[in-house]
Amino acid sequence: MNVQELLQNAGVRIGAWVIGVLLAFNLLLILINVIFRKNKDGIFGIQNAAKEYAKSVLGELKLVEWLGRKDTVRYTVIVVVASIILGGFIALLDYLFFKLRAFII
């Protein structure tokens, strides 16, 4: 294959890539147009649904019984200690498997 054929093949590949990017961009523009098309309920009713969802979430958050500072600190310490122990165990297994692999090979 000579240089001219290589350049032609590269041009075809680049041209196909450019066409693919342009098609993807056009599809994105169509999708944006469809999403933001207005109707009487807002953007396909998404605005009203989002408002209702936010109101219900805030209502539920008012009913939550939150932990106090003492419990939060205690549970945080438990999680950190457990993470360190588990990380150490995984590091030990990694070291042992590394040595085993070195011994076998």
Protein backbone atom coordinates (compact mmCIF):
# COMPACT_ATOMS: atom_id res chain seq x y z
CA MET A 1 0.00 0.00 0.00
CA ASN A 2 1.49 3.32 -0.99
CA VAL A 3 1.24 6.68 0.70
CA GLN A 4 -1.60 7.92 -1.50
CA GLU A 5 -3.79 4.91 -0.62
CA LEU A 6 -3.02 5.36 3.07
CA LEU A 7 -4.05 9.01 2.92
CA GLN A 8 -7.25 8.15 1.05
CA ASN A 9 -8.14 5.48 3.63
CA ALA A 10 -7.39 7.90 6.46
CA GLY A 11 -9.54 10.52 4.76
CA VAL A 12 -12.42 8.06 4.53
CA ARG A 13 -12.04 7.18 8.21
CA ILE A 14 -11.86 10.84 9.24
CA GLY A 15 -14.83 11.66 7.02
CA ALA A 16 -16.87 8.85 8.57
CA TRP A 17 -15.91 10.06 12.04
CA VAL A 18 -16.93 13.63 11.22
CA ILE A 19 -20.28 12.45 9.84
CA GLY A 20 -20.84 10.38 12.99
CA VAL A 21 -20.09 13.37 15.22
CA LEU A 22 -22.41 15.60 13.20
CA LEU A 23 -25.22 13.01 13.38
CA ALA A 24 -24.76 12.68 17.14
CA PHE A 25 -24.82 16.48 17.50
CA ASN A 26 -28.02 16.70 15.44
CA LEU A 27 -29.66 14.00 17.57
CA LEU A 28 -28.66 15.93 20.67
CA LEU A 29 -30.23 19.11 19.29
CA ILE A 30 -33.44 17.24 18.46
CA LEU A 31 -33.55 15.77 21.96
CA ILE A 32 -33.04 19.21 23.54
CA ASN A 33 -35.79 20.63 21.34
CA VAL A 34 -38.21 17.87 22.35
CA ILE A 35 -37.41 18.19 26.07
CA PHE A 36 -37.81 21.95 26.22
CA ARG A 37 -40.91 22.20 24.03
CA LYS A 38 -43.49 24.02 26.13
CA ASN A 39 -47.07 22.98 26.72
CA LYS A 40 -49.68 24.14 29.21
CA ASP A 41 -48.22 22.00 32.03
CA GLY A 42 -44.70 23.37 31.61
CA ILE A 43 -42.06 21.28 29.90
CA PHE A 44 -44.14 18.12 29.29
CA GLY A 45 -45.40 18.42 32.87
CA ILE A 46 -41.87 18.00 34.19
CA GLN A 47 -41.89 21.35 36.00
CA ASN A 48 -45.07 20.59 37.94
CA ALA A 49 -43.95 17.05 38.70
CA ALA A 50 -40.59 18.32 39.97
CA LYS A 51 -42.30 20.88 42.22
CA GLU A 52 -44.62 18.25 43.69
CA TYR A 53 -41.72 15.86 44.24
CA ALA A 54 -39.66 18.56 45.99
CA LYS A 55 -42.62 19.42 48.25
CA SER A 56 -43.14 15.78 49.19
CA VAL A 57 -39.42 15.28 49.89
CA LEU A 58 -39.33 18.33 52.16
CA GLY A 59 -42.44 17.09 53.96
CA GLU A 60 -40.85 13.69 54.57
CA LEU A 61 -37.60 15.29 55.78
CA LYS A 62 -39.56 17.15 58.46
CA LEU A 63 -40.77 13.78 59.79
CA VAL A 64 -37.27 12.25 60.04
CA GLU A 65 -35.86 11.79 63.52
CA TRP A 66 -32.23 12.85 63.16
CA LEU A 67 -29.44 11.43 65.33
CA GLY A 68 -27.78 13.56 67.95
CA ARG A 69 -24.15 14.63 67.84
CA LYS A 70 -23.04 11.91 70.27
CA ASP A 71 -24.57 9.08 68.22
CA THR A 72 -23.30 10.55 64.94
CA VAL A 73 -19.72 10.75 66.25
CA ARG A 74 -19.93 7.21 67.68
CA TYR A 75 -21.20 5.71 64.41
CA THR A 76 -18.63 7.67 62.41
CA VAL A 77 -15.80 6.27 64.57
CA ILE A 78 -17.20 2.75 64.13
CA VAL A 79 -17.27 3.15 60.33
CA VAL A 80 -13.74 4.61 60.18
CA VAL A 81 -12.28 1.86 62.41
CA ALA A 82 -14.07 -0.88 60.46
CA SER A 83 -12.81 0.62 57.18
CA ILE A 84 -9.22 0.69 58.45
CA ILE A 85 -9.44 -2.91 59.66
CA LEU A 86 -10.96 -4.11 56.38
CA GLY A 87 -8.40 -2.13 54.38
CA GLY A 88 -5.58 -3.69 56.39
CA PHE A 89 -7.02 -7.17 55.84
CA ILE A 90 -7.28 -6.60 52.08
CA ALA A 91 -3.71 -5.21 52.02
CA LEU A 92 -2.48 -8.31 53.88
CA LEU A 93 -4.24 -10.61 51.40
CA ASP A 94 -2.75 -8.63 48.52
CA TYR A 95 0.74 -8.95 50.01
CA LEU A 96 0.31 -12.70 50.60
CA PHE A 97 -0.96 -13.33 47.07
CA PHE A 98 1.93 -11.27 45.67
CA LYS A 99 4.45 -13.37 47.61
CA LEU A 100 2.66 -16.59 46.59
CA ARG A 101 2.78 -15.56 42.94
CA ALA A 102 6.47 -14.70 43.25
CA PHE A 103 7.11 -18.06 44.92
CA ILE A 104 5.27 -20.00 42.20
CA ILE A 105 6.91 -18.15 39.32
